[in-house]
Amino acid sequence: MHEDLTRDFFLGFIKLHILHHAREEPIYGKEFSRELERHGYRISFGTLYPLFHRLRREGYLKVEEKNVNGRIRKYYSVTGKGERALRDSMGKIKELFDEVYG
């Protein structure tokens, strides 16, 4: 039971992390997986790619396909909706952080 809640928290953190990096520059799955590993998150592509697809489907990300060495790679960027969601979430994160660690 505890693991399910922790997983939900981490998936929420990862979604925010995706939006943050997609705001800075277009990102793609394999590169972003390495970024998550750098922060100690180890998730499968079977978990990561559905997060990208869901955020796109819900209008938080947009995608551009590029041919890289003969292969199509999808680069994700944040949309205006994603930018607003990230900005609103950052305020809530700071408020929670200040309360928990203040």
PDB file of N, CA and C in Angstrom:
ATOM      1  N   MET A   1       0.832  -1.203   0.000  1.00  0.00           N
ATOM      2  CA  MET A   1       0.000   0.000   0.000  1.00  0.00           C
ATOM      3  C   MET A   1       0.865   1.251   0.000  1.00  0.00           C
ATOM      4  N   HIS A   2       1.829   1.309   0.878  1.00  0.00           N
ATOM      5  CA  HIS A   2       2.731   2.456   0.981  1.00  0.00           C
ATOM      6  C   HIS A   2       3.458   2.719  -0.339  1.00  0.00           C
ATOM      7  N   GLU A   3       3.866   1.639  -1.041  1.00  0.00           N
ATOM      8  CA  GLU A   3       4.599   1.773  -2.291  1.00  0.00           C
ATOM      9  C   GLU A   3       3.750   2.443  -3.366  1.00  0.00           C
ATOM     10  N   ASP A   4       2.441   2.170  -3.367  1.00  0.00           N
ATOM     11  CA  ASP A   4       1.553   2.771  -4.357  1.00  0.00           C
ATOM     12  C   ASP A   4       1.495   4.280  -4.187  1.00  0.00           C
ATOM     13  N   LEU A   5       1.400   4.735  -2.955  1.00  0.00           N
ATOM     14  CA  LEU A   5       1.342   6.167  -2.682  1.00  0.00           C
ATOM     15  C   LEU A   5       2.661   6.833  -3.056  1.00  0.00           C
ATOM     16  N   THR A   6       3.759   6.216  -2.690  1.00  0.00           N
ATOM     17  CA  THR A   6       5.072   6.758  -3.037  1.00  0.00           C
ATOM     18  C   THR A   6       5.222   6.835  -4.547  1.00  0.00           C
ATOM     19  N   ARG A   7       4.791   5.816  -5.255  1.00  0.00           N
ATOM     20  CA  ARG A   7       4.872   5.810  -6.721  1.00  0.00           C
ATOM     21  C   ARG A   7       4.051   6.957  -7.302  1.00  0.00           C
ATOM     22  N   ASP A   8       2.855   7.188  -6.773  1.00  0.00           N
ATOM     23  CA  ASP A   8       2.018   8.295  -7.232  1.00  0.00           C
ATOM     24  C   ASP A   8       2.725   9.638  -7.027  1.00  0.00           C
ATOM     25  N   PHE A   9       3.347   9.809  -5.859  1.00  0.00           N
ATOM     26  CA  PHE A   9       4.090  11.045  -5.601  1.00  0.00           C
ATOM     27  C   PHE A   9       5.201  11.221  -6.628  1.00  0.00           C
ATOM     28  N   PHE A  10       5.993  10.159  -6.833  1.00  0.00           N
ATOM     29  CA  PHE A  10       7.112  10.251  -7.758  1.00  0.00           C
ATOM     30  C   PHE A  10       6.657  10.530  -9.179  1.00  0.00           C
ATOM     31  N   LEU A  11       5.559   9.921  -9.597  1.00  0.00           N
ATOM     32  CA  LEU A  11       5.055  10.185 -10.944  1.00  0.00           C
ATOM     33  C   LEU A  11       4.627  11.642 -11.092  1.00  0.00           C
ATOM     34  N   GLY A  12       4.069  12.206 -10.038  1.00  0.00           N
ATOM     35  CA  GLY A  12       3.733  13.631 -10.055  1.00  0.00           C
ATOM     36  C   GLY A  12       4.979  14.496 -10.157  1.00  0.00           C
ATOM     37  N   PHE A  13       6.013  14.144  -9.392  1.00  0.00           N
ATOM     38  CA  PHE A  13       7.279  14.878  -9.468  1.00  0.00           C
ATOM     39  C   PHE A  13       7.862  14.788 -10.872  1.00  0.00           C
ATOM     40  N   ILE A  14       7.789  13.604 -11.458  1.00  0.00           N
ATOM     41  CA  ILE A  14       8.353  13.397 -12.788  1.00  0.00           C
ATOM     42  C   ILE A  14       7.593  14.217 -13.827  1.00  0.00           C
ATOM     43  N   LYS A  15       6.278  14.293 -13.717  1.00  0.00           N
ATOM     44  CA  LYS A  15       5.499  15.121 -14.648  1.00  0.00           C
ATOM     45  C   LYS A  15       5.939  16.577 -14.575  1.00  0.00           C
ATOM     46  N   LEU A  16       6.129  17.077 -13.357  1.00  0.00           N
ATOM     47  CA  LEU A  16       6.598  18.455 -13.199  1.00  0.00           C
ATOM     48  C   LEU A  16       8.004  18.616 -13.760  1.00  0.00           C
ATOM     49  N   HIS A  17       8.828  17.624 -13.557  1.00  0.00           N
ATOM     50  CA  HIS A  17      10.196  17.642 -14.081  1.00  0.00           C
ATOM     51  C   HIS A  17      10.169  17.682 -15.613  1.00  0.00           C
ATOM     52  N   ILE A  18       9.280  16.902 -16.219  1.00  0.00           N
ATOM     53  CA  ILE A  18       9.123  16.914 -17.675  1.00  0.00           C
ATOM     54  C   ILE A  18       8.747  18.311 -18.145  1.00  0.00           C
ATOM     55  N   LEU A  19       7.726  18.895 -17.532  1.00  0.00           N
ATOM     56  CA  LEU A  19       7.287  20.236 -17.941  1.00  0.00           C
ATOM     57  C   LEU A  19       8.404  21.263 -17.773  1.00  0.00           C
ATOM     58  N   HIS A  20       9.128  21.172 -16.684  1.00  0.00           N
ATOM     59  CA  HIS A  20      10.232  22.104 -16.421  1.00  0.00           C
ATOM     60  C   HIS A  20      11.273  22.033 -17.540  1.00  0.00           C
ATOM     61  N   HIS A  21      11.722  20.828 -17.862  1.00  0.00           N
ATOM     62  CA  HIS A  21      12.759  20.692 -18.888  1.00  0.00           C
ATOM     63  C   HIS A  21      12.229  20.991 -20.282  1.00  0.00           C
ATOM     64  N   ALA A  22      10.980  20.638 -20.554  1.00  0.00           N
ATOM     65  CA  ALA A  22      10.385  20.925 -21.863  1.00  0.00           C
ATOM     66  C   ALA A  22      10.161  22.419 -22.044  1.00  0.00           C
ATOM     67  N   ARG A  23      10.121  23.154 -20.957  1.00  0.00           N
ATOM     68  CA  ARG A  23      10.032  24.613 -21.029  1.00  0.00           C
ATOM     69  C   ARG A  23      11.392  25.193 -21.405  1.00  0.00           C
ATOM     70  N   GLU A  24      12.463  24.586 -20.900  1.00  0.00           N
ATOM     71  CA  GLU A  24      13.811  25.088 -21.177  1.00  0.00           C
ATOM     72  C   GLU A  24      14.252  24.815 -22.609  1.00  0.00           C
ATOM     73  N   GLU A  25      13.940  23.606 -23.117  1.00  0.00           N
ATOM     74  CA  GLU A  25      14.302  23.230 -24.486  1.00  0.00           C
ATOM     75  C   GLU A  25      13.546  21.951 -24.839  1.00  0.00           C
ATOM     76  N   PRO A  26      13.381  21.671 -26.132  1.00  0.00           N
ATOM     77  CA  PRO A  26      12.717  20.421 -26.522  1.00  0.00           C
ATOM     78  C   PRO A  26      13.487  19.216 -25.981  1.00  0.00           C
ATOM     79  N   ILE A  27      12.745  18.227 -25.493  1.00  0.00           N
ATOM     80  CA  ILE A  27      13.355  17.036 -24.899  1.00  0.00           C
ATOM     81  C   ILE A  27      12.807  15.786 -25.590  1.00  0.00           C
ATOM     82  N   TYR A  28      13.559  14.699 -25.502  1.00  0.00           N
ATOM     83  CA  TYR A  28      13.073  13.414 -26.003  1.00  0.00           C
ATOM     84  C   TYR A  28      13.306  12.356 -24.936  1.00  0.00           C
ATOM     85  N   GLY A  29      12.626  11.238 -25.075  1.00  0.00           N
ATOM     86  CA  GLY A  29      12.544  10.230 -24.020  1.00  0.00           C
ATOM     87  C   GLY A  29      13.858   9.708 -23.498  1.00  0.00           C
ATOM     88  N   LYS A  30      14.731   9.232 -24.372  1.00  0.00           N
ATOM     89  CA  LYS A  30      15.973   8.606 -23.918  1.00  0.00           C
ATOM     90  C   LYS A  30      16.862   9.607 -23.182  1.00  0.00           C
ATOM     91  N   GLU A  31      16.959  10.809 -23.732  1.00  0.00           N
ATOM     92  CA  GLU A  31      17.745  11.864 -23.086  1.00  0.00           C
ATOM     93  C   GLU A  31      17.150  12.217 -21.723  1.00  0.00           C
ATOM     94  N   PHE A  32      15.844  12.297 -21.667  1.00  0.00           N
ATOM     95  CA  PHE A  32      15.191  12.666 -20.416  1.00  0.00           C
ATOM     96  C   PHE A  32      15.318  11.554 -19.385  1.00  0.00           C
ATOM     97  N   SER A  33      15.326  10.318 -19.831  1.00  0.00           N
ATOM     98  CA  SER A  33      15.529   9.188 -18.925  1.00  0.00           C
ATOM     99  C   SER A  33      16.872   9.336 -18.201  1.00  0.00           C
ATOM    100  N   ARG A  34      17.890   9.756 -18.936  1.00  0.00           N
ATOM    101  CA  ARG A  34      19.212   9.983 -18.320  1.00  0.00           C
ATOM    102  C   ARG A  34      19.154  11.120 -17.306  1.00  0.00           C
ATOM    103  N   GLU A  35      18.381  12.149 -17.604  1.00  0.00           N
ATOM    104  CA  GLU A  35      18.219  13.270 -16.663  1.00  0.00           C
ATOM    105  C   GLU A  35      17.571  12.779 -15.379  1.00  0.00           C
ATOM    106  N   LEU A  36      16.556  11.954 -15.499  1.00  0.00           N
ATOM    107  CA  LEU A  36      15.896  11.419 -14.309  1.00  0.00           C
ATOM    108  C   LEU A  36      16.847  10.552 -13.494  1.00  0.00           C
ATOM    109  N   GLU A  37      17.638   9.740 -14.174  1.00  0.00           N
ATOM    110  CA  GLU A  37      18.615   8.891 -13.467  1.00  0.00           C
ATOM    111  C   GLU A  37      19.612   9.746 -12.692  1.00  0.00           C
ATOM    112  N   ARG A  38      19.973  10.867 -13.256  1.00  0.00           N
ATOM    113  CA  ARG A  38      20.894  11.787 -12.581  1.00  0.00           C
ATOM    114  C   ARG A  38      20.325  12.240 -11.234  1.00  0.00           C
ATOM    115  N   HIS A  39      19.001  12.278 -11.141  1.00  0.00           N
ATOM    116  CA  HIS A  39      18.318  12.686  -9.906  1.00  0.00           C
ATOM    117  C   HIS A  39      17.888  11.496  -9.051  1.00  0.00           C
ATOM    118  N   GLY A  40      18.270  10.297  -9.470  1.00  0.00           N
ATOM    119  CA  GLY A  40      17.961   9.120  -8.671  1.00  0.00           C
ATOM    120  C   GLY A  40      16.667   8.413  -9.019  1.00  0.00           C
ATOM    121  N   TYR A  41      15.972   8.874 -10.061  1.00  0.00           N
ATOM    122  CA  TYR A  41      14.745   8.210 -10.497  1.00  0.00           C
ATOM    123  C   TYR A  41      15.117   7.145 -11.517  1.00  0.00           C
ATOM    124  N   ARG A  42      14.626   5.954 -11.317  1.00  0.00           N
ATOM    125  CA  ARG A  42      14.845   4.875 -12.283  1.00  0.00           C
ATOM    126  C   ARG A  42      13.472   4.350 -12.701  1.00  0.00           C
ATOM    127  N   ILE A  43      13.035   4.802 -13.863  1.00  0.00           N
ATOM    128  CA  ILE A  43      11.740   4.338 -14.361  1.00  0.00           C
ATOM    129  C   ILE A  43      11.937   3.773 -15.764  1.00  0.00           C
ATOM    130  N   SER A  44      11.088   2.837 -16.111  1.00  0.00           N
ATOM    131  CA  SER A  44      11.185   2.190 -17.413  1.00  0.00           C
ATOM    132  C   SER A  44      10.601   3.104 -18.488  1.00  0.00           C
ATOM    133  N   PHE A  45      10.980   2.807 -19.738  1.00  0.00           N
ATOM    134  CA  PHE A  45      10.382   3.542 -20.844  1.00  0.00           C
ATOM    135  C   PHE A  45       8.892   3.240 -20.936  1.00  0.00           C
ATOM    136  N   GLY A  46       8.485   2.071 -20.449  1.00  0.00           N
ATOM    137  CA  GLY A  46       7.072   1.706 -20.419  1.00  0.00           C
ATOM    138  C   GLY A  46       6.261   2.563 -19.459  1.00  0.00           C
ATOM    139  N   THR A  47       6.940   3.244 -18.552  1.00  0.00           N
ATOM    140  CA  THR A  47       6.292   4.211 -17.659  1.00  0.00           C
ATOM    141  C   THR A  47       6.487   5.630 -18.179  1.00  0.00           C
ATOM    142  N   LEU A  48       7.690   5.922 -18.665  1.00  0.00           N
ATOM    143  CA  LEU A  48       8.023   7.282 -19.095  1.00  0.00           C
ATOM    144  C   LEU A  48       7.240   7.728 -20.323  1.00  0.00           C
ATOM    145  N   TYR A  49       7.241   6.894 -21.375  1.00  0.00           N
ATOM    146  CA  TYR A  49       6.580   7.322 -22.606  1.00  0.00           C
ATOM    147  C   TYR A  49       5.078   7.549 -22.433  1.00  0.00           C
ATOM    148  N   PRO A  50       4.367   6.722 -21.671  1.00  0.00           N
ATOM    149  CA  PRO A  50       2.956   7.051 -21.433  1.00  0.00           C
ATOM    150  C   PRO A  50       2.762   8.401 -20.718  1.00  0.00           C
ATOM    151  N   LEU A  51       3.715   8.797 -19.874  1.00  0.00           N
ATOM    152  CA  LEU A  51       3.616  10.123 -19.244  1.00  0.00           C
ATOM    153  C   LEU A  51       3.727  11.220 -20.298  1.00  0.00           C
ATOM    154  N   PHE A  52       4.711  11.091 -21.209  1.00  0.00           N
ATOM    155  CA  PHE A  52       4.843  12.055 -22.306  1.00  0.00           C
ATOM    156  C   PHE A  52       3.556  12.101 -23.131  1.00  0.00           C
ATOM    157  N   HIS A  53       3.035  10.925 -23.497  1.00  0.00           N
ATOM    158  CA  HIS A  53       1.843  10.859 -24.342  1.00  0.00           C
ATOM    159  C   HIS A  53       0.630  11.462 -23.644  1.00  0.00           C
ATOM    160  N   ARG A  54       0.497  11.190 -22.359  1.00  0.00           N
ATOM    161  CA  ARG A  54      -0.646  11.736 -21.623  1.00  0.00           C
ATOM    162  C   ARG A  54      -0.548  13.264 -21.528  1.00  0.00           C
ATOM    163  N   LEU A  55       0.643  13.769 -21.205  1.00  0.00           N
ATOM    164  CA  LEU A  55       0.812  15.218 -21.114  1.00  0.00           C
ATOM    165  C   LEU A  55       0.545  15.888 -22.464  1.00  0.00           C
ATOM    166  N   ARG A  56       0.915  15.214 -23.543  1.00  0.00           N
ATOM    167  CA  ARG A  56       0.625  15.745 -24.878  1.00  0.00           C
ATOM    168  C   ARG A  56      -0.876  15.704 -25.150  1.00  0.00           C
ATOM    169  N   ARG A  57      -1.487  14.559 -24.897  1.00  0.00           N
ATOM    170  CA  ARG A  57      -2.923  14.393 -25.145  1.00  0.00           C
ATOM    171  C   ARG A  57      -3.745  15.421 -24.371  1.00  0.00           C
ATOM    172  N   GLU A  58      -3.281  15.752 -23.156  1.00  0.00           N
ATOM    173  CA  GLU A  58      -4.023  16.699 -22.320  1.00  0.00           C
ATOM    174  C   GLU A  58      -3.655  18.148 -22.614  1.00  0.00           C
ATOM    175  N   GLY A  59      -2.756  18.376 -23.570  1.00  0.00           N
ATOM    176  CA  GLY A  59      -2.453  19.732 -24.027  1.00  0.00           C
ATOM    177  C   GLY A  59      -1.332  20.435 -23.287  1.00  0.00           C
ATOM    178  N   TYR A  60      -0.558  19.720 -22.477  1.00  0.00           N
ATOM    179  CA  TYR A  60       0.537  20.339 -21.727  1.00  0.00           C
ATOM    180  C   TYR A  60       1.853  20.330 -22.502  1.00  0.00           C
ATOM    181  N   LEU A  61       1.954  19.407 -23.451  1.00  0.00           N
ATOM    182  CA  LEU A  61       3.145  19.302 -24.297  1.00  0.00           C
ATOM    183  C   LEU A  61       2.718  19.288 -25.757  1.00  0.00           C
ATOM    184  N   LYS A  62       3.624  19.731 -26.623  1.00  0.00           N
ATOM    185  CA  LYS A  62       3.447  19.566 -28.063  1.00  0.00           C
ATOM    186  C   LYS A  62       4.659  18.786 -28.548  1.00  0.00           C
ATOM    187  N   VAL A  63       4.528  18.151 -29.697  1.00  0.00           N
ATOM    188  CA  VAL A  63       5.600  17.287 -30.194  1.00  0.00           C
ATOM    189  C   VAL A  63       6.010  17.712 -31.595  1.00  0.00           C
ATOM    190  N   GLU A  64       7.289  17.570 -31.868  1.00  0.00           N
ATOM    191  CA  GLU A  64       7.828  17.784 -33.199  1.00  0.00           C
ATOM    192  C   GLU A  64       8.693  16.568 -33.530  1.00  0.00           C
ATOM    193  N   GLU A  65       8.432  15.976 -34.664  1.00  0.00           N
ATOM    194  CA  GLU A  65       9.203  14.813 -35.081  1.00  0.00           C
ATOM    195  C   GLU A  65      10.368  15.270 -35.949  1.00  0.00           C
ATOM    196  N   LYS A  66      11.564  14.728 -35.652  1.00  0.00           N
ATOM    197  CA  LYS A  66      12.761  15.059 -36.419  1.00  0.00           C
ATOM    198  C   LYS A  66      13.454  13.773 -36.838  1.00  0.00           C
ATOM    199  N   ASN A  67      14.030  13.812 -38.027  1.00  0.00           N
ATOM    200  CA  ASN A  67      14.804  12.677 -38.515  1.00  0.00           C
ATOM    201  C   ASN A  67      16.230  12.831 -37.993  1.00  0.00           C
ATOM    202  N   VAL A  68      16.653  11.887 -37.172  1.00  0.00           N
ATOM    203  CA  VAL A  68      18.004  11.902 -36.599  1.00  0.00           C
ATOM    204  C   VAL A  68      18.680  10.595 -37.009  1.00  0.00           C
ATOM    205  N   ASN A  69      19.667  10.707 -37.877  1.00  0.00           N
ATOM    206  CA  ASN A  69      20.392   9.529 -38.375  1.00  0.00           C
ATOM    207  C   ASN A  69      19.461   8.459 -38.939  1.00  0.00           C
ATOM    208  N   GLY A  70      18.461   8.916 -39.691  1.00  0.00           N
ATOM    209  CA  GLY A  70      17.547   7.983 -40.337  1.00  0.00           C
ATOM    210  C   GLY A  70      16.419   7.472 -39.464  1.00  0.00           C
ATOM    211  N   ARG A  71      16.357   7.932 -38.237  1.00  0.00           N
ATOM    212  CA  ARG A  71      15.286   7.503 -37.320  1.00  0.00           C
ATOM    213  C   ARG A  71      14.463   8.715 -36.903  1.00  0.00           C
ATOM    214  N   ILE A  72      13.182   8.504 -36.713  1.00  0.00           N
ATOM    215  CA  ILE A  72      12.304   9.585 -36.276  1.00  0.00           C
ATOM    216  C   ILE A  72      12.365   9.682 -34.757  1.00  0.00           C
ATOM    217  N   ARG A  73      12.675  10.873 -34.288  1.00  0.00           N
ATOM    218  CA  ARG A  73      12.733  11.120 -32.838  1.00  0.00           C
ATOM    219  C   ARG A  73      11.692  12.194 -32.518  1.00  0.00           C
ATOM    220  N   LYS A  74      10.933  11.975 -31.460  1.00  0.00           N
ATOM    221  CA  LYS A  74       9.913  12.938 -31.036  1.00  0.00           C
ATOM    222  C   LYS A  74      10.498  13.844 -29.965  1.00  0.00           C
ATOM    223  N   TYR A  75      10.468  15.136 -30.240  1.00  0.00           N
ATOM    224  CA  TYR A  75      10.917  16.149 -29.290  1.00  0.00           C
ATOM    225  C   TYR A  75       9.687  16.840 -28.711  1.00  0.00           C
ATOM    226  N   TYR A  76       9.655  16.924 -27.399  1.00  0.00           N
ATOM    227  CA  TYR A  76       8.513  17.517 -26.701  1.00  0.00           C
ATOM    228  C   TYR A  76       8.872  18.880 -26.156  1.00  0.00           C
ATOM    229  N   SER A  77       7.941  19.824 -26.327  1.00  0.00           N
ATOM    230  CA  SER A  77       8.072  21.177 -25.789  1.00  0.00           C
ATOM    231  C   SER A  77       6.819  21.509 -25.010  1.00  0.00           C
ATOM    232  N   VAL A  78       6.950  22.410 -24.065  1.00  0.00           N
ATOM    233  CA  VAL A  78       5.807  22.799 -23.249  1.00  0.00           C
ATOM    234  C   VAL A  78       4.884  23.723 -24.062  1.00  0.00           C
ATOM    235  N   THR A  79       3.595  23.628 -23.811  1.00  0.00           N
ATOM    236  CA  THR A  79       2.604  24.525 -24.418  1.00  0.00           C
ATOM    237  C   THR A  79       2.295  25.644 -23.426  1.00  0.00           C
ATOM    238  N   GLY A  80       1.478  26.590 -23.833  1.00  0.00           N
ATOM    239  CA  GLY A  80       1.037  27.637 -22.912  1.00  0.00           C
ATOM    240  C   GLY A  80       0.305  27.044 -21.717  1.00  0.00           C
ATOM    241  N   LYS A  81      -0.525  26.059 -21.964  1.00  0.00           N
ATOM    242  CA  LYS A  81      -1.251  25.377 -20.880  1.00  0.00           C
ATOM    243  C   LYS A  81      -0.267  24.702 -19.929  1.00  0.00           C
ATOM    244  N   GLY A  82       0.764  24.060 -20.486  1.00  0.00           N
ATOM    245  CA  GLY A  82       1.770  23.412 -19.662  1.00  0.00           C
ATOM    246  C   GLY A  82       2.568  24.413 -18.847  1.00  0.00           C
ATOM    247  N   GLU A  83       2.867  25.551 -19.453  1.00  0.00           N
ATOM    248  CA  GLU A  83       3.591  26.625 -18.762  1.00  0.00           C
ATOM    249  C   GLU A  83       2.785  27.131 -17.573  1.00  0.00           C
ATOM    250  N   ARG A  84       1.493  27.349 -17.782  1.00  0.00           N
ATOM    251  CA  ARG A  84       0.626  27.815 -16.685  1.00  0.00           C
ATOM    252  C   ARG A  84       0.523  26.766 -15.575  1.00  0.00           C
ATOM    253  N   ALA A  85       0.383  25.514 -15.971  1.00  0.00           N
ATOM    254  CA  ALA A  85       0.289  24.431 -14.973  1.00  0.00           C
ATOM    255  C   ALA A  85       1.575  24.339 -14.163  1.00  0.00           C
ATOM    256  N   LEU A  86       2.706  24.471 -14.827  1.00  0.00           N
ATOM    257  CA  LEU A  86       3.988  24.419 -14.130  1.00  0.00           C
ATOM    258  C   LEU A  86       4.130  25.596 -13.176  1.00  0.00           C
ATOM    259  N   ARG A  87       3.802  26.778 -13.638  1.00  0.00           N
ATOM    260  CA  ARG A  87       3.900  27.974 -12.798  1.00  0.00           C
ATOM    261  C   ARG A  87       2.998  27.857 -11.565  1.00  0.00           C
ATOM    262  N   ASP A  88       1.761  27.407 -11.765  1.00  0.00           N
ATOM    263  CA  ASP A  88       0.838  27.228 -10.641  1.00  0.00           C
ATOM    264  C   ASP A  88       1.359  26.161  -9.673  1.00  0.00           C
ATOM    265  N   SER A  89       1.883  25.081 -10.225  1.00  0.00           N
ATOM    266  CA  SER A  89       2.405  23.989  -9.391  1.00  0.00           C
ATOM    267  C   SER A  89       3.623  24.422  -8.596  1.00  0.00           C
ATOM    268  N   MET A  90       4.474  25.226  -9.209  1.00  0.00           N
ATOM    269  CA  MET A  90       5.679  25.680  -8.521  1.00  0.00           C
ATOM    270  C   MET A  90       5.320  26.485  -7.271  1.00  0.00           C
ATOM    271  N   GLY A  91       4.280  27.288  -7.365  1.00  0.00           N
ATOM    272  CA  GLY A  91       3.831  28.036  -6.198  1.00  0.00           C
ATOM    273  C   GLY A  91       3.365  27.108  -5.088  1.00  0.00           C
ATOM    274  N   LYS A  92       2.626  26.081  -5.457  1.00  0.00           N
ATOM    275  CA  LYS A  92       2.140  25.109  -4.474  1.00  0.00           C
ATOM    276  C   LYS A  92       3.298  24.307  -3.877  1.00  0.00           C
ATOM    277  N   ILE A  93       4.266  23.949  -4.714  1.00  0.00           N
ATOM    278  CA  ILE A  93       5.440  23.207  -4.230  1.00  0.00           C
ATOM    279  C   ILE A  93       6.198  24.036  -3.206  1.00  0.00           C
ATOM    280  N   LYS A  94       6.408  25.310  -3.521  1.00  0.00           N
ATOM    281  CA  LYS A  94       7.139  26.182  -2.597  1.00  0.00           C
ATOM    282  C   LYS A  94       6.387  26.321  -1.281  1.00  0.00           C
ATOM    283  N   GLU A  95       5.076  26.498  -1.372  1.00  0.00           N
ATOM    284  CA  GLU A  95       4.258  26.623  -0.161  1.00  0.00           C
ATOM    285  C   GLU A  95       4.366  25.369   0.702  1.00  0.00           C
ATOM    286  N   LEU A  96       4.273  24.204   0.081  1.00  0.00           N
ATOM    287  CA  LEU A  96       4.378  22.942   0.812  1.00  0.00           C
ATOM    288  C   LEU A  96       5.777  22.771   1.392  1.00  0.00           C
ATOM    289  N   PHE A  97       6.795  23.050   0.590  1.00  0.00           N
ATOM    290  CA  PHE A  97       8.177  22.921   1.051  1.00  0.00           C
ATOM    291  C   PHE A  97       8.415  23.818   2.279  1.00  0.00           C
ATOM    292  N   ASP A  98       7.962  25.068   2.190  1.00  0.00           N
ATOM    293  CA  ASP A  98       8.137  26.001   3.302  1.00  0.00           C
ATOM    294  C   ASP A  98       7.436  25.510   4.555  1.00  0.00           C
ATOM    295  N   GLU A  99       6.262  24.898   4.386  1.00  0.00           N
ATOM    296  CA  GLU A  99       5.523  24.393   5.532  1.00  0.00           C
ATOM    297  C   GLU A  99       6.226  23.164   6.140  1.00  0.00           C
ATOM    298  N   VAL A 100       6.669  22.251   5.305  1.00  0.00           N
ATOM    299  CA  VAL A 100       7.282  21.021   5.782  1.00  0.00           C
ATOM    300  C   VAL A 100       8.673  21.281   6.354  1.00  0.00           C
ATOM    301  N   TYR A 101       9.455  22.130   5.696  1.00  0.00           N
ATOM    302  CA  TYR A 101      10.837  22.349   6.116  1.00  0.00           C
ATOM    303  C   TYR A 101      11.062  23.689   6.795  1.00  0.00           C
ATOM    304  N   GLY A 102      10.024  24.503   6.895  1.00  0.00           N
ATOM    305  CA  GLY A 102      10.166  25.836   7.481  1.00  0.00           C
ATOM    306  C   GLY A 102      10.245  25.761   8.936  1.00  0.00           C
TER     307      GLY A 102
END
